């Protein structure tokens, strides 16, 4: 439930290599790989509402590209 969630993953696209490990370990399957300019794949949070905030993606990322940010500290959605 979103009200119980304390943090969301924030992906640093300059560190993300598109390896897909975060996508593989995400229990609610809210992360995916998306093609960005230059035809590179990068991880993206495609379903923020479905994220449980478990941080498995951040723990598994071998490139430290994912950090968990408290919801109160996130900028409002556009």
C-alpha atoms as a PDB file:
ATOM      1  CA  UNK A   1       0.000   0.000   0.000  1.00  0.00           C
ATOM      2  CA  UNK A   2       1.375   3.416  -0.942  1.00  0.00           C
ATOM      3  CA  UNK A   3       0.624   4.934   2.466  1.00  0.00           C
ATOM      4  CA  UNK A   4       2.882   2.337   4.169  1.00  0.00           C
ATOM      5  CA  UNK A   5       5.718   2.846   1.705  1.00  0.00           C
ATOM      6  CA  UNK A   6       8.470   5.058   3.082  1.00  0.00           C
ATOM      7  CA  UNK A   7      10.794   5.369   0.078  1.00  0.00           C
ATOM      8  CA  UNK A   8      10.992   4.984  -3.678  1.00  0.00           C
ATOM      9  CA  UNK A   9      13.939   4.016  -5.869  1.00  0.00           C
ATOM     10  CA  UNK A  10      15.674   6.851  -7.694  1.00  0.00           C
ATOM     11  CA  UNK A  11      17.779   5.723 -10.647  1.00  0.00           C
ATOM     12  CA  UNK A  12      20.948   7.583 -11.601  1.00  0.00           C
ATOM     13  CA  UNK A  13      20.956   7.112 -15.374  1.00  0.00           C
ATOM     14  CA  UNK A  14      24.609   8.131 -15.594  1.00  0.00           C
ATOM     15  CA  UNK A  15      25.544   5.082 -13.498  1.00  0.00           C
ATOM     16  CA  UNK A  16      22.913   2.667 -14.850  1.00  0.00           C
ATOM     17  CA  UNK A  17      24.305   0.243 -17.453  1.00  0.00           C
ATOM     18  CA  UNK A  18      21.001  -1.411 -18.301  1.00  0.00           C
ATOM     19  CA  UNK A  19      22.150  -4.785 -16.938  1.00  0.00           C
ATOM     20  CA  UNK A  20      18.630  -5.599 -15.719  1.00  0.00           C
ATOM     21  CA  UNK A  21      19.528  -7.027 -12.304  1.00  0.00           C
ATOM     22  CA  UNK A  22      17.175  -4.594 -10.577  1.00  0.00           C
ATOM     23  CA  UNK A  23      14.335  -5.586 -12.901  1.00  0.00           C
ATOM     24  CA  UNK A  24      14.953  -9.263 -12.145  1.00  0.00           C
ATOM     25  CA  UNK A  25      14.820  -8.888  -8.348  1.00  0.00           C
ATOM     26  CA  UNK A  26      11.833  -6.512  -8.157  1.00  0.00           C
ATOM     27  CA  UNK A  27       8.996  -8.464  -6.446  1.00  0.00           C
ATOM     28  CA  UNK A  28       6.104  -6.255  -7.669  1.00  0.00           C
ATOM     29  CA  UNK A  29       7.674  -5.930 -11.167  1.00  0.00           C
ATOM     30  CA  UNK A  30       7.521  -2.127 -11.250  1.00  0.00           C
ATOM     31  CA  UNK A  31      10.953  -1.640 -12.845  1.00  0.00           C
ATOM     32  CA  UNK A  32      11.701  -2.124 -16.516  1.00  0.00           C
ATOM     33  CA  UNK A  33      14.381  -1.380 -19.071  1.00  0.00           C
ATOM     34  CA  UNK A  34      13.634   1.451 -21.463  1.00  0.00           C
ATOM     35  CA  UNK A  35      15.533   2.579 -24.533  1.00  0.00           C
ATOM     36  CA  UNK A  36      16.861   6.111 -24.127  1.00  0.00           C
ATOM     37  CA  UNK A  37      18.488   8.394 -26.713  1.00  0.00           C
ATOM     38  CA  UNK A  38      21.578   6.745 -28.137  1.00  0.00           C
ATOM     39  CA  UNK A  39      19.780   3.373 -28.183  1.00  0.00           C
ATOM     40  CA  UNK A  40      20.991   2.472 -24.711  1.00  0.00           C
ATOM     41  CA  UNK A  41      18.823   0.650 -22.212  1.00  0.00           C
ATOM     42  CA  UNK A  42      18.340   2.162 -18.760  1.00  0.00           C
ATOM     43  CA  UNK A  43      16.291   1.056 -15.810  1.00  0.00           C
ATOM     44  CA  UNK A  44      13.119   2.983 -15.096  1.00  0.00           C
ATOM     45  CA  UNK A  45      10.398   2.926 -12.455  1.00  0.00           C
ATOM     46  CA  UNK A  46       7.329   2.491 -14.645  1.00  0.00           C
ATOM     47  CA  UNK A  47       4.756   1.931 -11.884  1.00  0.00           C
ATOM     48  CA  UNK A  48       5.461   4.193  -8.906  1.00  0.00           C
ATOM     49  CA  UNK A  49       2.116   3.387  -7.274  1.00  0.00           C
ATOM     50  CA  UNK A  50       2.894  -0.335  -7.323  1.00  0.00           C
ATOM     51  CA  UNK A  51       6.323   0.025  -5.699  1.00  0.00           C
ATOM     52  CA  UNK A  52       6.482  -1.393  -2.180  1.00  0.00           C
ATOM     53  CA  UNK A  53       9.719   0.380  -1.240  1.00  0.00           C
ATOM     54  CA  UNK A  54      11.451  -2.908  -0.399  1.00  0.00           C
ATOM     55  CA  UNK A  55      14.835  -1.632  -1.724  1.00  0.00           C
ATOM     56  CA  UNK A  56      15.811  -4.994  -3.250  1.00  0.00           C
ATOM     57  CA  UNK A  57      16.648  -3.154  -6.476  1.00  0.00           C
ATOM     58  CA  UNK A  58      19.038  -0.781  -4.711  1.00  0.00           C
ATOM     59  CA  UNK A  59      20.727  -3.610  -2.822  1.00  0.00           C
ATOM     60  CA  UNK A  60      21.185  -5.720  -5.975  1.00  0.00           C
ATOM     61  CA  UNK A  61      22.462  -2.978  -8.302  1.00  0.00           C
ATOM     62  CA  UNK A  62      26.179  -3.695  -8.886  1.00  0.00           C
ATOM     63  CA  UNK A  63      26.805  -0.123 -10.070  1.00  0.00           C
ATOM     64  CA  UNK A  64      25.201   1.786  -7.167  1.00  0.00           C
ATOM     65  CA  UNK A  65      22.849   3.426  -9.655  1.00  0.00           C
ATOM     66  CA  UNK A  66      19.775   3.102  -7.437  1.00  0.00           C
ATOM     67  CA  UNK A  67      19.213   4.894  -4.167  1.00  0.00           C
ATOM     68  CA  UNK A  68      16.128   4.860  -2.017  1.00  0.00           C
ATOM     69  CA  UNK A  69      14.753   8.312  -1.353  1.00  0.00           C
ATOM     70  CA  UNK A  70      12.228   9.045   1.359  1.00  0.00           C
ATOM     71  CA  UNK A  71       8.885   9.986  -0.135  1.00  0.00           C
ATOM     72  CA  UNK A  72       8.774  13.270   1.805  1.00  0.00           C
ATOM     73  CA  UNK A  73      12.066  14.281   0.115  1.00  0.00           C
ATOM     74  CA  UNK A  74      10.938  13.547  -3.455  1.00  0.00           C
ATOM     75  CA  UNK A  75       9.896  16.392  -5.738  1.00  0.00           C
ATOM     76  CA  UNK A  76       6.165  16.455  -6.563  1.00  0.00           C
ATOM     77  CA  UNK A  77       5.133  14.647  -9.780  1.00  0.00           C
ATOM     78  CA  UNK A  78       4.874  16.772 -12.915  1.00  0.00           C
END
